[in-house]
Each structure stands twice: as C-alpha cells, then as structure tokens.
Amino acid sequence: MTKKKSPKAEKSTQPPRRPLWWWIFAFLFPLVVSEVMFYMAGRGLSMVIFPIIWVGFWAAVAYRAGWFSREK
C-alpha cells in the first residue's frame, strides 16, 4: 500500500513572507535618515523633493509586484 502525502507535508516553493512592520521600517527609516541629512546640510529643496521621489519609487515597486491588482 502506498501512502498519500498530505497537503501539509508538501514543501512550499514560495520564499517566506516578511511581516508588515518590516516593510514599514524599510520605507520610513531611509526616509527619516535622509531628511535629517538634508536638514543638517541646509538643503531645503531636497527635503521637499526627495520624499516625493521616494514615495513614487515605492509605489512603482508595489505596482510591479502586483500589490495593487484586484485579482486574489
């Protein structure tokens, strides 16, 4: 007699997912550090432009990763 493999016994081919707090940290930490650097260097225009570009970059990454798709 052969044994059937249970669905739990099969190995997942997907890499482990990172928790939400990790993504929030990865988004906010470089943004805060860069704002402090720009403030200390007296670069007011860069303090305004960089967050816009940073949010746009992450929006593009999220879009390419399929985070905004309606398919489930």
PDB file of N, CA and C in Angstrom:
ATOM      1  N   MET A   1       0.833  -1.167   0.000  1.00  0.00           N
ATOM      2  CA  MET A   1       0.000   0.000   0.000  1.00  0.00           C
ATOM      3  C   MET A   1       0.890   1.247   0.000  1.00  0.00           C
ATOM      4  N   THR A   2       0.451   2.218  -0.757  1.00  0.00           N
ATOM      5  CA  THR A   2       1.202   3.468  -0.780  1.00  0.00           C
ATOM      6  C   THR A   2       0.508   4.506   0.090  1.00  0.00           C
ATOM      7  N   LYS A   3       1.315   5.341   0.661  1.00  0.00           N
ATOM      8  CA  LYS A   3       0.772   6.393   1.500  1.00  0.00           C
ATOM      9  C   LYS A   3       0.574   7.657   0.664  1.00  0.00           C
ATOM     10  N   LYS A   4      -0.521   8.338   0.924  1.00  0.00           N
ATOM     11  CA  LYS A   4      -0.770   9.614   0.258  1.00  0.00           C
ATOM     12  C   LYS A   4      -0.124  10.733   1.070  1.00  0.00           C
ATOM     13  N   LYS A   5       0.447  11.676   0.348  1.00  0.00           N
ATOM     14  CA  LYS A   5       1.034  12.820   1.028  1.00  0.00           C
ATOM     15  C   LYS A   5      -0.059  13.816   1.371  1.00  0.00           C
ATOM     16  N   SER A   6      -0.027  14.273   2.581  1.00  0.00           N
ATOM     17  CA  SER A   6      -0.998  15.290   2.982  1.00  0.00           C
ATOM     18  C   SER A   6      -0.552  16.648   2.439  1.00  0.00           C
ATOM     19  N   PRO A   7      -1.486  17.582   2.233  1.00  0.00           N
ATOM     20  CA  PRO A   7      -1.093  18.903   1.719  1.00  0.00           C
ATOM     21  C   PRO A   7      -0.112  19.633   2.633  1.00  0.00           C
ATOM     22  N   LYS A   8      -0.172  19.351   3.922  1.00  0.00           N
ATOM     23  CA  LYS A   8       0.741  20.000   4.848  1.00  0.00           C
ATOM     24  C   LYS A   8       2.169  19.478   4.707  1.00  0.00           C
ATOM     25  N   ALA A   9       2.309  18.256   4.242  1.00  0.00           N
ATOM     26  CA  ALA A   9       3.628  17.641   4.129  1.00  0.00           C
ATOM     27  C   ALA A   9       4.409  18.175   2.927  1.00  0.00           C
ATOM     28  N   GLU A  10       3.695  18.731   1.939  1.00  0.00           N
ATOM     29  CA  GLU A  10       4.381  19.246   0.760  1.00  0.00           C
ATOM     30  C   GLU A  10       5.107  20.542   1.105  1.00  0.00           C
ATOM     31  N   LYS A  11       6.291  20.680   0.534  1.00  0.00           N
ATOM     32  CA  LYS A  11       7.083  21.877   0.800  1.00  0.00           C
ATOM     33  C   LYS A  11       6.603  23.023  -0.084  1.00  0.00           C
ATOM     34  N   SER A  12       6.590  24.212   0.473  1.00  0.00           N
ATOM     35  CA  SER A  12       6.189  25.399  -0.268  1.00  0.00           C
ATOM     36  C   SER A  12       7.364  25.880  -1.110  1.00  0.00           C
ATOM     37  N   THR A  13       7.073  26.274  -2.340  1.00  0.00           N
ATOM     38  CA  THR A  13       8.129  26.772  -3.216  1.00  0.00           C
ATOM     39  C   THR A  13       8.279  28.288  -3.097  1.00  0.00           C
ATOM     40  N   GLN A  14       7.373  28.941  -2.376  1.00  0.00           N
ATOM     41  CA  GLN A  14       7.459  30.384  -2.206  1.00  0.00           C
ATOM     42  C   GLN A  14       8.392  30.715  -1.044  1.00  0.00           C
ATOM     43  N   PRO A  15       9.153  31.798  -1.198  1.00  0.00           N
ATOM     44  CA  PRO A  15      10.011  32.213  -0.075  1.00  0.00           C
ATOM     45  C   PRO A  15       9.146  32.723   1.075  1.00  0.00           C
ATOM     46  N   PRO A  16       9.670  32.714   2.285  1.00  0.00           N
ATOM     47  CA  PRO A  16       8.874  33.217   3.416  1.00  0.00           C
ATOM     48  C   PRO A  16       8.568  34.698   3.242  1.00  0.00           C
ATOM     49  N   ARG A  17       7.368  35.096   3.661  1.00  0.00           N
ATOM     50  CA  ARG A  17       6.946  36.488   3.536  1.00  0.00           C
ATOM     51  C   ARG A  17       7.437  37.287   4.731  1.00  0.00           C
ATOM     52  N   ARG A  18       7.780  38.539   4.460  1.00  0.00           N
ATOM     53  CA  ARG A  18       8.212  39.424   5.535  1.00  0.00           C
ATOM     54  C   ARG A  18       6.981  40.053   6.180  1.00  0.00           C
ATOM     55  N   PRO A  19       7.039  40.299   7.486  1.00  0.00           N
ATOM     56  CA  PRO A  19       5.892  40.920   8.157  1.00  0.00           C
ATOM     57  C   PRO A  19       5.729  42.383   7.744  1.00  0.00           C
ATOM     58  N   LEU A  20       4.547  42.910   8.008  1.00  0.00           N
ATOM     59  CA  LEU A  20       4.227  44.276   7.614  1.00  0.00           C
ATOM     60  C   LEU A  20       5.138  45.292   8.296  1.00  0.00           C
ATOM     61  N   TRP A  21       5.504  45.076   9.542  1.00  0.00           N
ATOM     62  CA  TRP A  21       6.361  46.032  10.252  1.00  0.00           C
ATOM     63  C   TRP A  21       7.706  46.175   9.548  1.00  0.00           C
ATOM     64  N   TRP A  22       8.194  45.105   8.915  1.00  0.00           N
ATOM     65  CA  TRP A  22       9.474  45.157   8.207  1.00  0.00           C
ATOM     66  C   TRP A  22       9.370  46.104   7.019  1.00  0.00           C
ATOM     67  N   TRP A  23       8.270  46.027   6.274  1.00  0.00           N
ATOM     68  CA  TRP A  23       8.090  46.899   5.112  1.00  0.00           C
ATOM     69  C   TRP A  23       7.925  48.350   5.540  1.00  0.00           C
ATOM     70  N   ILE A  24       7.225  48.585   6.647  1.00  0.00           N
ATOM     71  CA  ILE A  24       7.071  49.949   7.156  1.00  0.00           C
ATOM     72  C   ILE A  24       8.432  50.508   7.564  1.00  0.00           C
ATOM     73  N   PHE A  25       9.231  49.699   8.236  1.00  0.00           N
ATOM     74  CA  PHE A  25      10.576  50.117   8.637  1.00  0.00           C
ATOM     75  C   PHE A  25      11.448  50.388   7.414  1.00  0.00           C
ATOM     76  N   ALA A  26      11.379  49.510   6.413  1.00  0.00           N
ATOM     77  CA  ALA A  26      12.189  49.683   5.200  1.00  0.00           C
ATOM     78  C   ALA A  26      11.786  50.940   4.435  1.00  0.00           C
ATOM     79  N   PHE A  27      10.545  51.375   4.583  1.00  0.00           N
ATOM     80  CA  PHE A  27      10.079  52.587   3.927  1.00  0.00           C
ATOM     81  C   PHE A  27      10.458  53.836   4.719  1.00  0.00           C
ATOM     82  N   LEU A  28      10.245  53.809   6.024  1.00  0.00           N
ATOM     83  CA  LEU A  28      10.405  55.012   6.833  1.00  0.00           C
ATOM     84  C   LEU A  28      11.843  55.310   7.263  1.00  0.00           C
ATOM     85  N   PHE A  29      12.619  54.296   7.589  1.00  0.00           N
ATOM     86  CA  PHE A  29      13.960  54.533   8.113  1.00  0.00           C
ATOM     87  C   PHE A  29      14.842  55.318   7.135  1.00  0.00           C
ATOM     88  N   PRO A  30      14.991  54.890   5.876  1.00  0.00           N
ATOM     89  CA  PRO A  30      15.822  55.686   4.963  1.00  0.00           C
ATOM     90  C   PRO A  30      15.253  57.079   4.711  1.00  0.00           C
ATOM     91  N   LEU A  31      13.935  57.200   4.730  1.00  0.00           N
ATOM     92  CA  LEU A  31      13.314  58.500   4.524  1.00  0.00           C
ATOM     93  C   LEU A  31      13.654  59.453   5.669  1.00  0.00           C
ATOM     94  N   VAL A  32      13.547  58.982   6.885  1.00  0.00           N
ATOM     95  CA  VAL A  32      13.854  59.823   8.051  1.00  0.00           C
ATOM     96  C   VAL A  32      15.339  60.182   8.078  1.00  0.00           C
ATOM     97  N   VAL A  33      16.199  59.209   7.815  1.00  0.00           N
ATOM     98  CA  VAL A  33      17.645  59.476   7.829  1.00  0.00           C
ATOM     99  C   VAL A  33      18.015  60.498   6.757  1.00  0.00           C
ATOM    100  N   SER A  34      17.446  60.374   5.577  1.00  0.00           N
ATOM    101  CA  SER A  34      17.764  61.332   4.520  1.00  0.00           C
ATOM    102  C   SER A  34      17.238  62.727   4.846  1.00  0.00           C
ATOM    103  N   GLU A  35      16.055  62.804   5.469  1.00  0.00           N
ATOM    104  CA  GLU A  35      15.532  64.113   5.847  1.00  0.00           C
ATOM    105  C   GLU A  35      16.439  64.790   6.881  1.00  0.00           C
ATOM    106  N   VAL A  36      16.955  64.021   7.819  1.00  0.00           N
ATOM    107  CA  VAL A  36      17.881  64.577   8.814  1.00  0.00           C
ATOM    108  C   VAL A  36      19.159  65.052   8.128  1.00  0.00           C
ATOM    109  N   MET A  37      19.670  64.261   7.200  1.00  0.00           N
ATOM    110  CA  MET A  37      20.884  64.661   6.477  1.00  0.00           C
ATOM    111  C   MET A  37      20.660  65.945   5.692  1.00  0.00           C
ATOM    112  N   PHE A  38      19.532  66.025   4.973  1.00  0.00           N
ATOM    113  CA  PHE A  38      19.244  67.229   4.199  1.00  0.00           C
ATOM    114  C   PHE A  38      19.070  68.438   5.111  1.00  0.00           C
ATOM    115  N   TYR A  39      18.440  68.247   6.261  1.00  0.00           N
ATOM    116  CA  TYR A  39      18.241  69.352   7.207  1.00  0.00           C
ATOM    117  C   TYR A  39      19.580  69.861   7.740  1.00  0.00           C
ATOM    118  N   MET A  40      20.458  68.939   8.116  1.00  0.00           N
ATOM    119  CA  MET A  40      21.761  69.329   8.662  1.00  0.00           C
ATOM    120  C   MET A  40      22.634  70.005   7.607  1.00  0.00           C
ATOM    121  N   ALA A  41      22.444  69.630   6.342  1.00  0.00           N
ATOM    122  CA  ALA A  41      23.236  70.234   5.267  1.00  0.00           C
ATOM    123  C   ALA A  41      22.602  71.523   4.744  1.00  0.00           C
ATOM    124  N   GLY A  42      21.390  71.839   5.221  1.00  0.00           N
ATOM    125  CA  GLY A  42      20.731  73.059   4.770  1.00  0.00           C
ATOM    126  C   GLY A  42      20.147  72.959   3.379  1.00  0.00           C
ATOM    127  N   ARG A  43      19.735  71.779   2.968  1.00  0.00           N
ATOM    128  CA  ARG A  43      19.179  71.558   1.631  1.00  0.00           C
ATOM    129  C   ARG A  43      17.646  71.484   1.709  1.00  0.00           C
ATOM    130  N   GLY A  44      17.013  72.649   1.755  1.00  0.00           N
ATOM    131  CA  GLY A  44      15.560  72.705   1.911  1.00  0.00           C
ATOM    132  C   GLY A  44      14.799  72.135   0.728  1.00  0.00           C
ATOM    133  N   LEU A  45      15.250  72.429  -0.482  1.00  0.00           N
ATOM    134  CA  LEU A  45      14.568  71.924  -1.667  1.00  0.00           C
ATOM    135  C   LEU A  45      14.648  70.398  -1.738  1.00  0.00           C
ATOM    136  N   SER A  46      15.787  69.840  -1.374  1.00  0.00           N
ATOM    137  CA  SER A  46      15.932  68.386  -1.369  1.00  0.00           C
ATOM    138  C   SER A  46      15.029  67.739  -0.331  1.00  0.00           C
ATOM    139  N   MET A  47      14.765  68.446   0.762  1.00  0.00           N
ATOM    140  CA  MET A  47      13.872  67.923   1.790  1.00  0.00           C
ATOM    141  C   MET A  47      12.438  67.807   1.278  1.00  0.00           C
ATOM    142  N   VAL A  48      12.092  68.592   0.286  1.00  0.00           N
ATOM    143  CA  VAL A  48      10.748  68.538  -0.292  1.00  0.00           C
ATOM    144  C   VAL A  48      10.687  67.530  -1.440  1.00  0.00           C
ATOM    145  N   ILE A  49      11.704  67.560  -2.289  1.00  0.00           N
ATOM    146  CA  ILE A  49      11.680  66.720  -3.498  1.00  0.00           C
ATOM    147  C   ILE A  49      11.911  65.248  -3.179  1.00  0.00           C
ATOM    148  N   PHE A  50      12.843  64.943  -2.284  1.00  0.00           N
ATOM    149  CA  PHE A  50      13.191  63.547  -2.032  1.00  0.00           C
ATOM    150  C   PHE A  50      12.016  62.699  -1.549  1.00  0.00           C
ATOM    151  N   PRO A  51      11.187  63.156  -0.596  1.00  0.00           N
ATOM    152  CA  PRO A  51      10.055  62.307  -0.184  1.00  0.00           C
ATOM    153  C   PRO A  51       9.076  62.011  -1.322  1.00  0.00           C
ATOM    154  N   ILE A  52       8.899  62.969  -2.235  1.00  0.00           N
ATOM    155  CA  ILE A  52       8.012  62.729  -3.382  1.00  0.00           C
ATOM    156  C   ILE A  52       8.574  61.632  -4.265  1.00  0.00           C
ATOM    157  N   ILE A  53       9.874  61.707  -4.529  1.00  0.00           N
ATOM    158  CA  ILE A  53      10.522  60.685  -5.352  1.00  0.00           C
ATOM    159  C   ILE A  53      10.530  59.338  -4.628  1.00  0.00           C
ATOM    160  N   TRP A  54      10.750  59.345  -3.321  1.00  0.00           N
ATOM    161  CA  TRP A  54      10.791  58.118  -2.524  1.00  0.00           C
ATOM    162  C   TRP A  54       9.444  57.400  -2.548  1.00  0.00           C
ATOM    163  N   VAL A  55       8.364  58.147  -2.370  1.00  0.00           N
ATOM    164  CA  VAL A  55       7.024  57.544  -2.412  1.00  0.00           C
ATOM    165  C   VAL A  55       6.733  57.028  -3.821  1.00  0.00           C
ATOM    166  N   GLY A  56       7.133  57.767  -4.831  1.00  0.00           N
ATOM    167  CA  GLY A  56       6.939  57.311  -6.207  1.00  0.00           C
ATOM    168  C   GLY A  56       7.704  56.036  -6.515  1.00  0.00           C
ATOM    169  N   PHE A  57       8.924  55.947  -6.015  1.00  0.00           N
ATOM    170  CA  PHE A  57       9.724  54.729  -6.208  1.00  0.00           C
ATOM    171  C   PHE A  57       9.029  53.515  -5.592  1.00  0.00           C
ATOM    172  N   TRP A  58       8.583  53.654  -4.329  1.00  0.00           N
ATOM    173  CA  TRP A  58       7.930  52.529  -3.661  1.00  0.00           C
ATOM    174  C   TRP A  58       6.581  52.197  -4.283  1.00  0.00           C
ATOM    175  N   ALA A  59       5.891  53.204  -4.793  1.00  0.00           N
ATOM    176  CA  ALA A  59       4.623  52.940  -5.490  1.00  0.00           C
ATOM    177  C   ALA A  59       4.882  52.137  -6.763  1.00  0.00           C
ATOM    178  N   ALA A  60       5.946  52.466  -7.483  1.00  0.00           N
ATOM    179  CA  ALA A  60       6.297  51.719  -8.692  1.00  0.00           C
ATOM    180  C   ALA A  60       6.696  50.282  -8.352  1.00  0.00           C
ATOM    181  N   VAL A  61       7.449  50.108  -7.281  1.00  0.00           N
ATOM    182  CA  VAL A  61       7.839  48.753  -6.862  1.00  0.00           C
ATOM    183  C   VAL A  61       6.610  47.944  -6.465  1.00  0.00           C
ATOM    184  N   ALA A  62       5.697  48.550  -5.711  1.00  0.00           N
ATOM    185  CA  ALA A  62       4.484  47.855  -5.282  1.00  0.00           C
ATOM    186  C   ALA A  62       3.600  47.515  -6.478  1.00  0.00           C
ATOM    187  N   TYR A  63       3.514  48.423  -7.431  1.00  0.00           N
ATOM    188  CA  TYR A  63       2.711  48.160  -8.624  1.00  0.00           C
ATOM    189  C   TYR A  63       3.289  46.995  -9.421  1.00  0.00           C
ATOM    190  N   ARG A  64       4.613  46.994  -9.601  1.00  0.00           N
ATOM    191  CA  ARG A  64       5.254  45.908 -10.359  1.00  0.00           C
ATOM    192  C   ARG A  64       5.148  44.570  -9.641  1.00  0.00           C
ATOM    193  N   ALA A  65       5.065  44.620  -8.314  1.00  0.00           N
ATOM    194  CA  ALA A  65       4.944  43.389  -7.535  1.00  0.00           C
ATOM    195  C   ALA A  65       3.514  42.879  -7.488  1.00  0.00           C
ATOM    196  N   GLY A  66       2.570  43.662  -7.988  1.00  0.00           N
ATOM    197  CA  GLY A  66       1.185  43.223  -8.036  1.00  0.00           C
ATOM    198  C   GLY A  66       0.383  43.545  -6.789  1.00  0.00           C
ATOM    199  N   TRP A  67       0.852  44.475  -5.983  1.00  0.00           N
ATOM    200  CA  TRP A  67       0.134  44.804  -4.741  1.00  0.00           C
ATOM    201  C   TRP A  67      -1.160  45.538  -5.016  1.00  0.00           C
ATOM    202  N   PHE A  68      -1.290  46.180  -6.185  1.00  0.00           N
ATOM    203  CA  PHE A  68      -2.489  46.948  -6.485  1.00  0.00           C
ATOM    204  C   PHE A  68      -3.458  46.197  -7.378  1.00  0.00           C
ATOM    205  N   SER A  69      -3.178  44.933  -7.683  1.00  0.00           N
ATOM    206  CA  SER A  69      -4.077  44.175  -8.538  1.00  0.00           C
ATOM    207  C   SER A  69      -5.307  43.736  -7.760  1.00  0.00           C
ATOM    208  N   ARG A  70      -6.406  43.608  -8.446  1.00  0.00           N
ATOM    209  CA  ARG A  70      -7.662  43.220  -7.790  1.00  0.00           C
ATOM    210  C   ARG A  70      -7.869  41.715  -7.795  1.00  0.00           C
ATOM    211  N   GLU A  71      -7.014  40.996  -8.490  1.00  0.00           N
ATOM    212  CA  GLU A  71      -7.139  39.535  -8.537  1.00  0.00           C
ATOM    213  C   GLU A  71      -6.635  38.940  -7.235  1.00  0.00           C
ATOM    214  N   LYS A  72      -7.349  37.952  -6.728  1.00  0.00           N
ATOM    215  CA  LYS A  72      -6.925  37.297  -5.495  1.00  0.00           C
ATOM    216  C   LYS A  72      -6.780  35.838  -5.715  1.00  0.00           C
TER     217      LYS A  72
END
